[in-house]
Amino acid sequence: MYPLEKNIDLSFLIGRTLRQVCVESHQVLLNFDQDLTITVEEDCLLSIGADLKAISANNPAESKELALLLDQKIEQAKPVDEANLLLEFSGARHLTLLGASDKYECYSIIDWENHIAV
């Protein structure tokens, strides 16, 4: 795992709309407009209103729940700590990417100018 930088600039995420959720057996690809992809390889937390769900990228039955974020825009992105990243979407939806593994990449964020791996 690579820690998030303390002063990381995540402004490039703001306003991006989730267009596609690709569920594979051991990872989930979140494809946004403007060629942004977030790859989730471990666990994350999905919150819609008061409902909180723990989702494992290694469990396709759970991962399909991320489709609830389709067509939603990222309104805010902020590190929770050096491993976890909170993405606030439109429609009172939140996704927390968890960087709980010290051996493997948990998630990555890639576009034409940025590559962040945790």
Protein backbone atom coordinates (compact mmCIF):
# COMPACT_ATOMS: atom_id res chain seq x y z
CA MET A 1 0.00 0.00 0.00
CA TYR A 2 1.10 3.52 -0.76
CA PRO A 3 -0.19 6.26 1.56
CA LEU A 4 -2.10 9.26 0.30
CA GLU A 5 -0.02 12.44 0.39
CA LYS A 6 -1.10 14.84 3.13
CA ASN A 7 -1.60 17.76 0.74
CA ILE A 8 -2.93 15.76 -2.21
CA ASP A 9 -4.85 17.76 -4.80
CA LEU A 10 -8.01 15.84 -5.70
CA SER A 11 -9.74 18.72 -7.48
CA PHE A 12 -9.51 16.84 -10.80
CA LEU A 13 -12.18 14.45 -9.45
CA ILE A 14 -14.79 17.15 -8.83
CA GLY A 15 -17.61 17.19 -11.36
CA ARG A 16 -16.81 13.80 -12.88
CA THR A 17 -19.89 11.67 -13.61
CA LEU A 18 -19.89 7.89 -13.15
CA ARG A 19 -20.83 6.36 -16.50
CA GLN A 20 -20.04 2.65 -16.09
CA VAL A 21 -19.50 0.05 -13.36
CA CYS A 22 -17.60 -3.05 -14.48
CA VAL A 23 -17.78 -5.90 -11.98
CA GLU A 24 -15.11 -8.55 -12.31
CA SER A 25 -14.38 -11.50 -10.04
CA HIS A 26 -11.73 -9.68 -7.96
CA GLN A 27 -12.06 -6.00 -8.79
CA VAL A 28 -14.48 -3.29 -9.80
CA LEU A 29 -13.81 -0.62 -12.41
CA LEU A 30 -15.63 2.67 -11.99
CA ASN A 31 -15.44 4.50 -15.32
CA PHE A 32 -16.21 8.20 -15.28
CA ASP A 33 -16.52 10.77 -18.03
CA GLN A 34 -13.34 12.47 -19.25
CA ASP A 35 -11.37 9.19 -19.19
CA LEU A 36 -11.15 8.78 -15.41
CA THR A 37 -11.09 5.25 -13.97
CA ILE A 38 -11.12 4.20 -10.34
CA THR A 39 -10.16 0.56 -9.82
CA VAL A 40 -11.30 -0.96 -6.52
CA GLU A 41 -9.48 -4.15 -5.54
CA GLU A 42 -10.34 -4.44 -1.86
CA ASP A 43 -13.17 -3.12 0.32
CA CYS A 44 -15.18 0.07 0.23
CA LEU A 45 -18.18 1.56 2.01
CA LEU A 46 -21.26 2.78 0.15
CA SER A 47 -23.58 5.18 1.92
CA ILE A 48 -26.91 6.33 0.51
CA GLY A 49 -28.75 8.48 2.99
CA ALA A 50 -28.67 6.61 6.30
CA ASP A 51 -28.02 3.22 4.65
CA LEU A 52 -24.38 2.06 4.90
CA LYS A 53 -23.13 -1.03 3.05
CA ALA A 54 -19.70 -2.66 3.26
CA ILE A 55 -18.71 -3.91 -0.18
CA SER A 56 -15.90 -6.27 -1.09
CA ALA A 57 -14.49 -5.96 -4.60
CA ASN A 58 -13.83 -9.70 -4.33
CA ASN A 59 -17.56 -10.40 -4.11
CA PRO A 60 -19.45 -9.61 -7.34
CA ALA A 61 -22.81 -10.00 -5.58
CA GLU A 62 -21.86 -7.11 -3.28
CA SER A 63 -19.98 -5.09 -5.90
CA LYS A 64 -23.03 -4.72 -8.13
CA GLU A 65 -24.45 -2.34 -5.50
CA LEU A 66 -22.00 0.29 -6.78
CA ALA A 67 -24.31 0.66 -9.79
CA LEU A 68 -26.42 2.85 -7.49
CA LEU A 69 -23.80 5.56 -8.14
CA LEU A 70 -24.36 5.56 -11.92
CA ASP A 71 -24.97 9.03 -13.42
CA GLN A 72 -23.99 10.69 -10.14
CA LYS A 73 -21.32 13.42 -10.04
CA ILE A 74 -18.46 13.62 -7.57
CA GLU A 75 -19.09 16.78 -5.56
CA GLN A 76 -16.23 16.43 -3.10
CA ALA A 77 -13.18 14.22 -2.66
CA LYS A 78 -11.12 14.21 0.51
CA PRO A 79 -8.73 11.90 2.32
CA VAL A 80 -10.08 10.51 5.57
CA ASP A 81 -6.53 9.57 6.58
CA GLU A 82 -3.41 8.32 4.80
CA ALA A 83 -5.21 5.25 3.41
CA ASN A 84 -8.92 5.99 3.04
CA LEU A 85 -10.58 8.34 0.57
CA LEU A 86 -14.11 9.74 0.79
CA LEU A 87 -15.95 10.57 -2.43
CA GLU A 88 -19.16 12.54 -1.98
CA PHE A 89 -21.57 12.18 -4.90
CA SER A 90 -24.72 14.03 -5.84
CA GLY A 91 -27.92 12.54 -4.47
CA ALA A 92 -26.58 12.20 -0.88
CA ARG A 93 -24.38 9.26 -1.88
CA HIS A 94 -20.93 8.60 -0.48
CA LEU A 95 -18.23 6.11 -1.35
CA THR A 96 -15.28 5.52 0.96
CA LEU A 97 -12.38 3.70 -0.65
CA LEU A 98 -10.55 1.72 2.02
CA GLY A 99 -6.80 1.22 1.91
CA ALA A 100 -6.67 -1.50 4.53
CA SER A 101 -4.03 -3.79 3.02
CA ASP A 102 -0.35 -3.22 3.67
CA LYS A 103 0.64 -5.81 1.02
CA TYR A 104 -1.56 -5.08 -2.00
CA GLU A 105 -3.01 -2.14 -3.87
CA CYS A 106 -6.50 -1.44 -2.60
CA TYR A 107 -7.59 1.13 -5.16
CA SER A 108 -6.18 3.30 -7.90
CA ILE A 109 -7.32 6.47 -9.65
CA ILE A 110 -6.12 7.07 -13.18
CA ASP A 111 -6.76 9.69 -15.82
CA TRP A 112 -4.56 11.30 -18.49
CA GLU A 113 -2.61 13.40 -15.98
CA ASN A 114 -2.92 11.61 -12.65
CA HIS A 115 -2.14 8.18 -11.21
CA ILE A 116 -2.84 7.58 -7.54
CA ALA A 117 -2.42 4.11 -6.05
CA VAL A 118 -3.21 3.15 -2.45
